[in-house]
PDB file of all heavy atoms in Angstrom:
ATOM      1  N   ALA A   1      97.005 112.708 108.808  1.00  0.00           N
ATOM      2  CA  ALA A   1      96.896 111.605 107.858  1.00  0.00           C
ATOM      3  C   ALA A   1      98.295 111.377 107.183  1.00  0.00           C
ATOM      4  O   ALA A   1      98.562 110.275 106.783  1.00  0.00           O
ATOM      5  CB  ALA A   1      95.932 111.963 106.815  1.00  0.00           C
ATOM      6  N   ASN A   2      99.058 112.423 107.037  1.00  0.00           N
ATOM      7  CA  ASN A   2     100.389 112.327 106.439  1.00  0.00           C
ATOM      8  C   ASN A   2     101.530 111.843 107.491  1.00  0.00           C
ATOM      9  O   ASN A   2     102.673 111.900 107.122  1.00  0.00           O
ATOM     10  CB  ASN A   2     100.767 113.454 105.700  1.00  0.00           C
ATOM     11  CG  ASN A   2     100.922 114.711 106.598  1.00  0.00           C
ATOM     12  OD1 ASN A   2     100.611 114.669 107.798  1.00  0.00           O
ATOM     13  ND2 ASN A   2     101.414 115.806 105.981  1.00  0.00           N
ATOM     14  N   GLY A   3     101.104 111.577 108.668  1.00  0.00           N
ATOM     15  CA  GLY A   3     102.056 111.214 109.733  1.00  0.00           C
ATOM     16  C   GLY A   3     102.605 112.313 110.486  1.00  0.00           C
ATOM     17  O   GLY A   3     103.420 112.070 111.460  1.00  0.00           O
ATOM     18  N   THR A   4     102.244 113.552 110.241  1.00  0.00           N
ATOM     19  CA  THR A   4     102.690 114.737 110.956  1.00  0.00           C
ATOM     20  C   THR A   4     102.274 114.648 112.411  1.00  0.00           C
ATOM     21  O   THR A   4     101.171 114.389 112.764  1.00  0.00           O
ATOM     22  CB  THR A   4     102.173 116.005 110.386  1.00  0.00           C
ATOM     23  OG1 THR A   4     102.635 116.156 109.092  1.00  0.00           O
ATOM     24  CG2 THR A   4     102.539 117.200 111.223  1.00  0.00           C
ATOM     25  N   ASP A   5     103.378 114.807 113.341  1.00  0.00           N
ATOM     26  CA  ASP A   5     102.989 114.835 114.763  1.00  0.00           C
ATOM     27  C   ASP A   5     102.533 116.243 115.107  1.00  0.00           C
ATOM     28  O   ASP A   5     103.241 117.210 115.095  1.00  0.00           O
ATOM     29  CB  ASP A   5     104.270 114.490 115.503  1.00  0.00           C
ATOM     30  CG  ASP A   5     104.088 114.416 117.054  1.00  0.00           C
ATOM     31  OD1 ASP A   5     103.066 115.029 117.568  1.00  0.00           O
ATOM     32  OD2 ASP A   5     104.910 113.843 117.714  1.00  0.00           O
ATOM     33  N   CYS A   6     101.202 116.307 115.412  1.00  0.00           N
ATOM     34  CA  CYS A   6     100.535 117.577 115.522  1.00  0.00           C
ATOM     35  C   CYS A   6     100.970 118.216 116.854  1.00  0.00           C
ATOM     36  O   CYS A   6     100.584 119.451 117.045  1.00  0.00           O
ATOM     37  CB  CYS A   6      99.020 117.514 115.458  1.00  0.00           C
ATOM     38  SG  CYS A   6      98.494 116.996 113.826  1.00  0.00           S
ATOM     39  N   ARG A   7     101.678 117.595 117.681  1.00  0.00           N
ATOM     40  CA  ARG A   7     102.153 118.191 118.908  1.00  0.00           C
ATOM     41  C   ARG A   7     103.412 119.009 118.697  1.00  0.00           C
ATOM     42  O   ARG A   7     103.905 119.766 119.590  1.00  0.00           O
ATOM     43  CB  ARG A   7     102.452 117.090 119.953  1.00  0.00           C
ATOM     44  CG  ARG A   7     101.372 116.106 120.289  1.00  0.00           C
ATOM     45  CD  ARG A   7     101.679 114.993 121.171  1.00  0.00           C
ATOM     46  NE  ARG A   7     102.840 114.291 120.466  1.00  0.00           N
ATOM     47  CZ  ARG A   7     103.540 113.299 121.016  1.00  0.00           C
ATOM     48  NH1 ARG A   7     103.297 112.937 122.304  1.00  0.00           N
ATOM     49  NH2 ARG A   7     104.548 112.642 120.351  1.00  0.00           N
ATOM     50  N   ASN A   8     103.986 118.871 117.426  1.00  0.00           N
ATOM     51  CA  ASN A   8     105.368 119.386 117.248  1.00  0.00           C
ATOM     52  C   ASN A   8     105.327 120.562 116.208  1.00  0.00           C
ATOM     53  O   ASN A   8     104.174 120.857 115.800  1.00  0.00           O
ATOM     54  CB  ASN A   8     106.251 118.271 116.743  1.00  0.00           C
ATOM     55  CG  ASN A   8     107.716 118.408 117.311  1.00  0.00           C
ATOM     56  OD1 ASN A   8     108.121 119.558 117.473  1.00  0.00           O
ATOM     57  ND2 ASN A   8     108.341 117.308 117.464  1.00  0.00           N
ATOM     58  N   TYR A   9     106.530 121.007 115.916  1.00  0.00           N
ATOM     59  CA  TYR A   9     106.594 122.081 115.004  1.00  0.00           C
ATOM     60  C   TYR A   9     106.193 121.584 113.480  1.00  0.00           C
ATOM     61  O   TYR A   9     106.083 120.309 113.259  1.00  0.00           O
ATOM     62  CB  TYR A   9     108.065 122.593 114.882  1.00  0.00           C
ATOM     63  CG  TYR A   9     108.467 123.307 116.048  1.00  0.00           C
ATOM     64  CD1 TYR A   9     109.747 122.984 116.642  1.00  0.00           C
ATOM     65  CD2 TYR A   9     107.769 124.320 116.673  1.00  0.00           C
ATOM     66  CE1 TYR A   9     110.249 123.651 117.756  1.00  0.00           C
ATOM     67  CE2 TYR A   9     108.210 124.975 117.781  1.00  0.00           C
ATOM     68  CZ  TYR A   9     109.394 124.668 118.367  1.00  0.00           C
ATOM     69  OH  TYR A   9     109.935 125.295 119.481  1.00  0.00           O
ATOM     70  N   GLY A  10     106.177 122.592 112.583  1.00  0.00           N
ATOM     71  CA  GLY A  10     105.977 122.160 111.181  1.00  0.00           C
ATOM     72  C   GLY A  10     104.526 122.343 110.659  1.00  0.00           C
ATOM     73  O   GLY A  10     103.585 122.786 111.402  1.00  0.00           O
ATOM     74  N   GLY A  11     104.368 121.922 109.416  1.00  0.00           N
ATOM     75  CA  GLY A  11     102.979 121.994 108.846  1.00  0.00           C
ATOM     76  C   GLY A  11     102.517 123.404 108.723  1.00  0.00           C
ATOM     77  O   GLY A  11     101.434 123.750 109.059  1.00  0.00           O
ATOM     78  N   LEU A  12     103.226 124.220 107.953  1.00  0.00           N
ATOM     79  CA  LEU A  12     102.992 125.756 108.004  1.00  0.00           C
ATOM     80  C   LEU A  12     101.632 126.086 107.438  1.00  0.00           C
ATOM     81  O   LEU A  12     100.998 126.990 107.919  1.00  0.00           O
ATOM     82  CB  LEU A  12     104.092 126.427 107.215  1.00  0.00           C
ATOM     83  CG  LEU A  12     105.497 126.463 107.767  1.00  0.00           C
ATOM     84  CD1 LEU A  12     106.478 127.272 106.839  1.00  0.00           C
ATOM     85  CD2 LEU A  12     105.501 126.939 109.146  1.00  0.00           C
ATOM     86  N   ASP A  13     101.198 125.351 106.411  1.00  0.00           N
ATOM     87  CA  ASP A  13      99.895 125.753 105.716  1.00  0.00           C
ATOM     88  C   ASP A  13      98.754 124.824 106.057  1.00  0.00           C
ATOM     89  O   ASP A  13      97.755 124.987 105.344  1.00  0.00           O
ATOM     90  CB  ASP A  13     100.179 125.880 104.276  1.00  0.00           C
ATOM     91  CG  ASP A  13     100.458 124.509 103.604  1.00  0.00           C
ATOM     92  OD1 ASP A  13     100.767 123.545 104.304  1.00  0.00           O
ATOM     93  OD2 ASP A  13     100.393 124.456 102.324  1.00  0.00           O
ATOM     94  N   GLY A  14      98.853 124.036 107.022  1.00  0.00           N
ATOM     95  CA  GLY A  14      97.715 123.230 107.487  1.00  0.00           C
ATOM     96  C   GLY A  14      97.949 121.765 107.250  1.00  0.00           C
ATOM     97  O   GLY A  14      98.642 121.279 106.356  1.00  0.00           O
ATOM     98  N   ILE A  15      97.228 120.866 108.053  1.00  0.00           N
ATOM     99  CA  ILE A  15      97.324 119.477 107.937  1.00  0.00           C
ATOM    100  C   ILE A  15      96.426 119.043 106.793  1.00  0.00           C
ATOM    101  O   ILE A  15      95.436 119.700 106.411  1.00  0.00           O
ATOM    102  CB  ILE A  15      96.937 118.768 109.295  1.00  0.00           C
ATOM    103  CG1 ILE A  15      95.553 119.043 109.623  1.00  0.00           C
ATOM    104  CG2 ILE A  15      97.934 119.183 110.386  1.00  0.00           C
ATOM    105  CD1 ILE A  15      94.992 118.133 110.775  1.00  0.00           C
ATOM    106  N   PRO A  16      96.677 117.908 106.135  1.00  0.00           N
ATOM    107  CA  PRO A  16      95.988 117.493 104.941  1.00  0.00           C
ATOM    108  C   PRO A  16      94.515 117.433 105.095  1.00  0.00           C
ATOM    109  O   PRO A  16      93.738 117.798 104.194  1.00  0.00           O
ATOM    110  CB  PRO A  16      96.643 116.182 104.539  1.00  0.00           C
ATOM    111  CG  PRO A  16      97.970 116.175 105.224  1.00  0.00           C
ATOM    112  CD  PRO A  16      97.880 116.919 106.447  1.00  0.00           C
ATOM    113  N   GLU A  17      94.011 116.843 106.239  1.00  0.00           N
ATOM    114  CA  GLU A  17      92.605 116.639 106.474  1.00  0.00           C
ATOM    115  C   GLU A  17      91.851 117.993 106.402  1.00  0.00           C
ATOM    116  O   GLU A  17      90.740 118.028 105.756  1.00  0.00           O
ATOM    117  CB  GLU A  17      92.355 115.948 107.797  1.00  0.00           C
ATOM    118  CG  GLU A  17      92.950 114.540 107.906  1.00  0.00           C
ATOM    119  CD  GLU A  17      94.274 114.568 108.604  1.00  0.00           C
ATOM    120  OE1 GLU A  17      95.169 115.443 108.328  1.00  0.00           O
ATOM    121  OE2 GLU A  17      94.579 113.821 109.532  1.00  0.00           O
ATOM    122  N   VAL A  18      92.393 118.989 107.015  1.00  0.00           N
ATOM    123  CA  VAL A  18      91.682 120.241 107.127  1.00  0.00           C
ATOM    124  C   VAL A  18      91.732 121.013 105.807  1.00  0.00           C
ATOM    125  O   VAL A  18      90.824 121.692 105.351  1.00  0.00           O
ATOM    126  CB  VAL A  18      92.233 121.143 108.266  1.00  0.00           C
ATOM    127  CG1 VAL A  18      91.739 122.534 108.204  1.00  0.00           C
ATOM    128  CG2 VAL A  18      91.863 120.543 109.666  1.00  0.00           C
ATOM    129  N   LYS A  19      92.926 120.966 105.207  1.00  0.00           N
ATOM    130  CA  LYS A  19      93.046 121.586 103.808  1.00  0.00           C
ATOM    131  C   LYS A  19      92.101 121.048 102.810  1.00  0.00           C
ATOM    132  O   LYS A  19      91.502 121.687 102.091  1.00  0.00           O
ATOM    133  CB  LYS A  19      94.487 121.319 103.284  1.00  0.00           C
ATOM    134  CG  LYS A  19      95.488 122.221 103.887  1.00  0.00           C
ATOM    135  CD  LYS A  19      96.996 121.755 103.599  1.00  0.00           C
ATOM    136  CE  LYS A  19      97.210 122.021 102.153  1.00  0.00           C
ATOM    137  NZ  LYS A  19      97.385 123.522 101.819  1.00  0.00           N
ATOM    138  N   LYS A  20      91.842 119.620 102.918  1.00  0.00           N
ATOM    139  CA  LYS A  20      90.829 118.981 102.077  1.00  0.00           C
ATOM    140  C   LYS A  20      89.419 119.472 102.358  1.00  0.00           C
ATOM    141  O   LYS A  20      88.621 119.676 101.489  1.00  0.00           O
ATOM    142  CB  LYS A  20      90.924 117.486 102.166  1.00  0.00           C
ATOM    143  CG  LYS A  20      89.909 116.778 101.259  1.00  0.00           C
ATOM    144  CD  LYS A  20      90.133 115.285 101.145  1.00  0.00           C
ATOM    145  CE  LYS A  20      88.890 114.578 100.489  1.00  0.00           C
ATOM    146  NZ  LYS A  20      88.596 115.281  99.226  1.00  0.00           N
ATOM    147  N   ILE A  21      89.062 119.623 103.727  1.00  0.00           N
ATOM    148  CA  ILE A  21      87.759 120.017 104.034  1.00  0.00           C
ATOM    149  C   ILE A  21      87.506 121.410 103.497  1.00  0.00           C
ATOM    150  O   ILE A  21      86.494 121.719 102.873  1.00  0.00           O
ATOM    151  CB  ILE A  21      87.595 120.092 105.609  1.00  0.00           C
ATOM    152  CG1 ILE A  21      87.547 118.700 106.147  1.00  0.00           C
ATOM    153  CG2 ILE A  21      86.312 120.852 105.999  1.00  0.00           C
ATOM    154  CD1 ILE A  21      87.510 118.589 107.655  1.00  0.00           C
ATOM    155  N   PHE A  22      88.450 122.365 103.659  1.00  0.00           N
ATOM    156  CA  PHE A  22      88.257 123.687 103.098  1.00  0.00           C
ATOM    157  C   PHE A  22      88.230 123.656 101.548  1.00  0.00           C
ATOM    158  O   PHE A  22      87.345 124.314 100.966  1.00  0.00           O
ATOM    159  CB  PHE A  22      89.392 124.628 103.536  1.00  0.00           C
ATOM    160  CG  PHE A  22      89.083 125.266 104.941  1.00  0.00           C
ATOM    161  CD1 PHE A  22      89.940 125.104 105.950  1.00  0.00           C
ATOM    162  CD2 PHE A  22      88.047 126.129 105.089  1.00  0.00           C
ATOM    163  CE1 PHE A  22      89.740 125.799 107.188  1.00  0.00           C
ATOM    164  CE2 PHE A  22      87.784 126.721 106.266  1.00  0.00           C
ATOM    165  CZ  PHE A  22      88.641 126.560 107.322  1.00  0.00           C
ATOM    166  N   ALA A  23      89.154 122.883 100.989  1.00  0.00           N
ATOM    167  CA  ALA A  23      89.131 122.817  99.509  1.00  0.00           C
ATOM    168  C   ALA A  23      87.835 122.326  98.946  1.00  0.00           C
ATOM    169  O   ALA A  23      87.265 122.823  97.932  1.00  0.00           O
ATOM    170  CB  ALA A  23      90.262 121.971  99.052  1.00  0.00           C
ATOM    171  N   ASP A  24      87.241 121.240  99.510  1.00  0.00           N
ATOM    172  CA  ASP A  24      86.004 120.687  99.117  1.00  0.00           C
ATOM    173  C   ASP A  24      84.849 121.658  99.270  1.00  0.00           C
ATOM    174  O   ASP A  24      83.960 121.906  98.467  1.00  0.00           O
ATOM    175  CB  ASP A  24      85.623 119.418  99.876  1.00  0.00           C
ATOM    176  CG  ASP A  24      86.554 118.263  99.451  1.00  0.00           C
ATOM    177  OD1 ASP A  24      87.280 118.398  98.387  1.00  0.00           O
ATOM    178  OD2 ASP A  24      86.598 117.192 100.109  1.00  0.00           O
ATOM    179  N   LEU A  25      84.867 122.474 100.375  1.00  0.00           N
ATOM    180  CA  LEU A  25      83.738 123.481 100.665  1.00  0.00           C
ATOM    181  C   LEU A  25      83.841 124.565  99.687  1.00  0.00           C
ATOM    182  O   LEU A  25      82.799 125.101  99.237  1.00  0.00           O
ATOM    183  CB  LEU A  25      83.898 124.003 102.091  1.00  0.00           C
ATOM    184  CG  LEU A  25      83.442 123.083 103.201  1.00  0.00           C
ATOM    185  CD1 LEU A  25      83.944 123.635 104.565  1.00  0.00           C
ATOM    186  CD2 LEU A  25      81.962 122.769 103.243  1.00  0.00           C
ATOM    187  N   LEU A  26      85.079 124.945  99.255  1.00  0.00           N
ATOM    188  CA  LEU A  26      85.252 126.089  98.319  1.00  0.00           C
ATOM    189  C   LEU A  26      85.380 125.592  96.887  1.00  0.00           C
ATOM    190  O   LEU A  26      85.588 126.497  95.931  1.00  0.00           O
ATOM    191  CB  LEU A  26      86.453 126.865  98.715  1.00  0.00           C
ATOM    192  CG  LEU A  26      86.400 127.447 100.135  1.00  0.00           C
ATOM    193  CD1 LEU A  26      87.849 128.094 100.474  1.00  0.00           C
ATOM    194  CD2 LEU A  26      85.298 128.523 100.245  1.00  0.00           C
ATOM    195  N   ASP A  27      85.298 124.326  96.618  1.00  0.00           N
ATOM    196  CA  ASP A  27      85.389 123.759  95.186  1.00  0.00           C
ATOM    197  C   ASP A  27      86.771 124.057  94.684  1.00  0.00           C
ATOM    198  O   ASP A  27      86.821 124.556  93.481  1.00  0.00           O
ATOM    199  CB  ASP A  27      84.309 124.189  94.271  1.00  0.00           C
ATOM    200  CG  ASP A  27      84.191 123.445  93.087  1.00  0.00           C
ATOM    201  OD1 ASP A  27      84.734 122.277  93.047  1.00  0.00           O
ATOM    202  OD2 ASP A  27      83.644 123.909  92.142  1.00  0.00           O
ATOM    203  N   LEU A  28      87.844 123.866  95.417  1.00  0.00           N
ATOM    204  CA  LEU A  28      89.187 124.180  94.966  1.00  0.00           C
ATOM    205  C   LEU A  28      90.056 122.947  95.213  1.00  0.00           C
ATOM    206  O   LEU A  28      89.608 121.883  95.807  1.00  0.00           O
ATOM    207  CB  LEU A  28      89.731 125.323  95.866  1.00  0.00           C
ATOM    208  CG  LEU A  28      89.016 126.633  95.740  1.00  0.00           C
ATOM    209  CD1 LEU A  28      89.581 127.610  96.656  1.00  0.00           C
ATOM    210  CD2 LEU A  28      89.258 127.187  94.235  1.00  0.00           C
ATOM    211  N   SER A  29      91.363 123.065  94.893  1.00  0.00           N
ATOM    212  CA  SER A  29      92.285 121.905  95.236  1.00  0.00           C
ATOM    213  C   SER A  29      93.033 122.309  96.553  1.00  0.00           C
ATOM    214  O   SER A  29      93.112 123.438  96.850  1.00  0.00           O
ATOM    215  CB  SER A  29      93.305 121.792  94.102  1.00  0.00           C
ATOM    216  OG  SER A  29      94.001 123.003  93.882  1.00  0.00           O
ATOM    217  N   ALA A  30      93.620 121.301  97.185  1.00  0.00           N
ATOM    218  CA  ALA A  30      94.209 121.541  98.419  1.00  0.00           C
ATOM    219  C   ALA A  30      95.401 122.501  98.352  1.00  0.00           C
ATOM    220  O   ALA A  30      95.720 123.293  99.315  1.00  0.00           O
ATOM    221  CB  ALA A  30      94.630 120.248  99.058  1.00  0.00           C
ATOM    222  N   ASP A  31      96.133 122.468  97.236  1.00  0.00           N
ATOM    223  CA  ASP A  31      97.279 123.342  97.146  1.00  0.00           C
ATOM    224  C   ASP A  31      96.852 124.780  96.787  1.00  0.00           C
ATOM    225  O   ASP A  31      97.790 125.725  96.588  1.00  0.00           O
ATOM    226  CB  ASP A  31      98.281 122.764  96.103  1.00  0.00           C
ATOM    227  CG  ASP A  31      97.629 122.447  94.703  1.00  0.00           C
ATOM    228  OD1 ASP A  31      96.458 122.708  94.541  1.00  0.00           O
ATOM    229  OD2 ASP A  31      98.377 122.046  93.880  1.00  0.00           O
ATOM    230  N   GLU A  32      95.621 125.016  96.758  1.00  0.00           N
ATOM    231  CA  GLU A  32      95.108 126.435  96.633  1.00  0.00           C
ATOM    232  C   GLU A  32      94.572 126.965  97.957  1.00  0.00           C
ATOM    233  O   GLU A  32      94.042 128.079  98.032  1.00  0.00           O
ATOM    234  CB  GLU A  32      93.961 126.535  95.594  1.00  0.00           C
ATOM    235  CG  GLU A  32      94.422 126.219  94.155  1.00  0.00           C
ATOM    236  CD  GLU A  32      93.250 126.047  93.169  1.00  0.00           C
ATOM    237  OE1 GLU A  32      92.375 125.258  93.535  1.00  0.00           O
ATOM    238  OE2 GLU A  32      93.282 126.801  92.169  1.00  0.00           O
ATOM    239  N   VAL A  33      94.889 126.248  99.032  1.00  0.00           N
ATOM    240  CA  VAL A  33      94.398 126.568 100.315  1.00  0.00           C
ATOM    241  C   VAL A  33      95.510 126.648 101.316  1.00  0.00           C
ATOM    242  O   VAL A  33      96.431 125.816 101.387  1.00  0.00           O
ATOM    243  CB  VAL A  33      93.339 125.546 100.800  1.00  0.00           C
ATOM    244  CG1 VAL A  33      92.981 125.748 102.270  1.00  0.00           C
ATOM    245  CG2 VAL A  33      92.136 125.577  99.950  1.00  0.00           C
ATOM    246  N   ILE A  34      95.492 127.709 102.221  1.00  0.00           N
ATOM    247  CA  ILE A  34      96.428 127.854 103.321  1.00  0.00           C
ATOM    248  C   ILE A  34      95.593 127.995 104.587  1.00  0.00           C
ATOM    249  O   ILE A  34      94.731 128.951 104.664  1.00  0.00           O
ATOM    250  CB  ILE A  34      97.363 129.068 103.153  1.00  0.00           C
ATOM    251  CG1 ILE A  34      98.313 128.754 101.967  1.00  0.00           C
ATOM    252  CG2 ILE A  34      98.062 129.396 104.432  1.00  0.00           C
ATOM    253  CD1 ILE A  34      99.169 129.901 101.607  1.00  0.00           C
ATOM    254  N   VAL A  35      95.670 127.127 105.516  1.00  0.00           N
ATOM    255  CA  VAL A  35      94.969 127.165 106.789  1.00  0.00           C
ATOM    256  C   VAL A  35      95.571 128.118 107.773  1.00  0.00           C
ATOM    257  O   VAL A  35      96.837 128.120 107.947  1.00  0.00           O
ATOM    258  CB  VAL A  35      94.805 125.796 107.348  1.00  0.00           C
ATOM    259  CG1 VAL A  35      93.963 125.793 108.619  1.00  0.00           C
ATOM    260  CG2 VAL A  35      94.180 124.831 106.362  1.00  0.00           C
ATOM    261  N   GLY A  36      94.745 128.859 108.427  1.00  0.00           N
ATOM    262  CA  GLY A  36      95.205 129.833 109.433  1.00  0.00           C
ATOM    263  C   GLY A  36      94.694 129.528 110.818  1.00  0.00           C
ATOM    264  O   GLY A  36      94.081 128.471 110.979  1.00  0.00           O
ATOM    265  N   GLY A  37      94.782 130.446 111.689  1.00  0.00           N
ATOM    266  CA  GLY A  37      94.298 130.273 113.069  1.00  0.00           C
ATOM    267  C   GLY A  37      92.832 130.508 113.211  1.00  0.00           C
ATOM    268  O   GLY A  37      92.069 130.252 112.279  1.00  0.00           O
ATOM    269  N   ASN A  38      92.433 131.141 114.409  1.00  0.00           N
ATOM    270  CA  ASN A  38      90.977 131.162 114.596  1.00  0.00           C
ATOM    271  C   ASN A  38      90.351 132.449 114.048  1.00  0.00           C
ATOM    272  O   ASN A  38      89.173 132.655 114.124  1.00  0.00           O
ATOM    273  CB  ASN A  38      90.701 131.206 116.106  1.00  0.00           C
ATOM    274  CG  ASN A  38      91.061 132.491 116.778  1.00  0.00           C
ATOM    275  OD1 ASN A  38      92.187 132.974 116.715  1.00  0.00           O
ATOM    276  ND2 ASN A  38      90.115 133.183 117.435  1.00  0.00           N
ATOM    277  N   SER A  39      91.087 133.328 113.377  1.00  0.00           N
ATOM    278  CA  SER A  39      90.600 134.623 112.835  1.00  0.00           C
ATOM    279  C   SER A  39      90.960 134.822 111.389  1.00  0.00           C
ATOM    280  O   SER A  39      92.184 135.047 111.053  1.00  0.00           O
ATOM    281  CB  SER A  39      91.074 135.823 113.755  1.00  0.00           C
ATOM    282  OG  SER A  39      90.761 136.995 113.128  1.00  0.00           O
ATOM    283  N   SER A  40      89.921 134.886 110.536  1.00  0.00           N
ATOM    284  CA  SER A  40      90.203 135.224 109.169  1.00  0.00           C
ATOM    285  C   SER A  40      90.566 136.628 108.978  1.00  0.00           C
ATOM    286  O   SER A  40      91.297 137.103 108.097  1.00  0.00           O
ATOM    287  CB  SER A  40      89.035 134.952 108.285  1.00  0.00           C
ATOM    288  OG  SER A  40      87.867 135.574 108.718  1.00  0.00           O
ATOM    289  N   LEU A  41      90.176 137.509 109.974  1.00  0.00           N
ATOM    290  CA  LEU A  41      90.412 138.915 109.944  1.00  0.00           C
ATOM    291  C   LEU A  41      91.971 139.104 110.139  1.00  0.00           C
ATOM    292  O   LEU A  41      92.609 139.993 109.480  1.00  0.00           O
ATOM    293  CB  LEU A  41      89.722 139.676 111.085  1.00  0.00           C
ATOM    294  CG  LEU A  41      89.760 141.236 110.979  1.00  0.00           C
ATOM    295  CD1 LEU A  41      88.867 141.620 109.839  1.00  0.00           C
ATOM    296  CD2 LEU A  41      89.278 141.739 112.332  1.00  0.00           C
TER     297      LEU A  41
END
């Protein structure tokens, strides 16, 4: 959504759309969320 080319480098803590999904599910703000890979462990 912010124009980031998802094929390329960058976006260390997650793209905006996904950060918002997690933030809404957890009742937090997007800047309180860091998105990781497939394993929370």
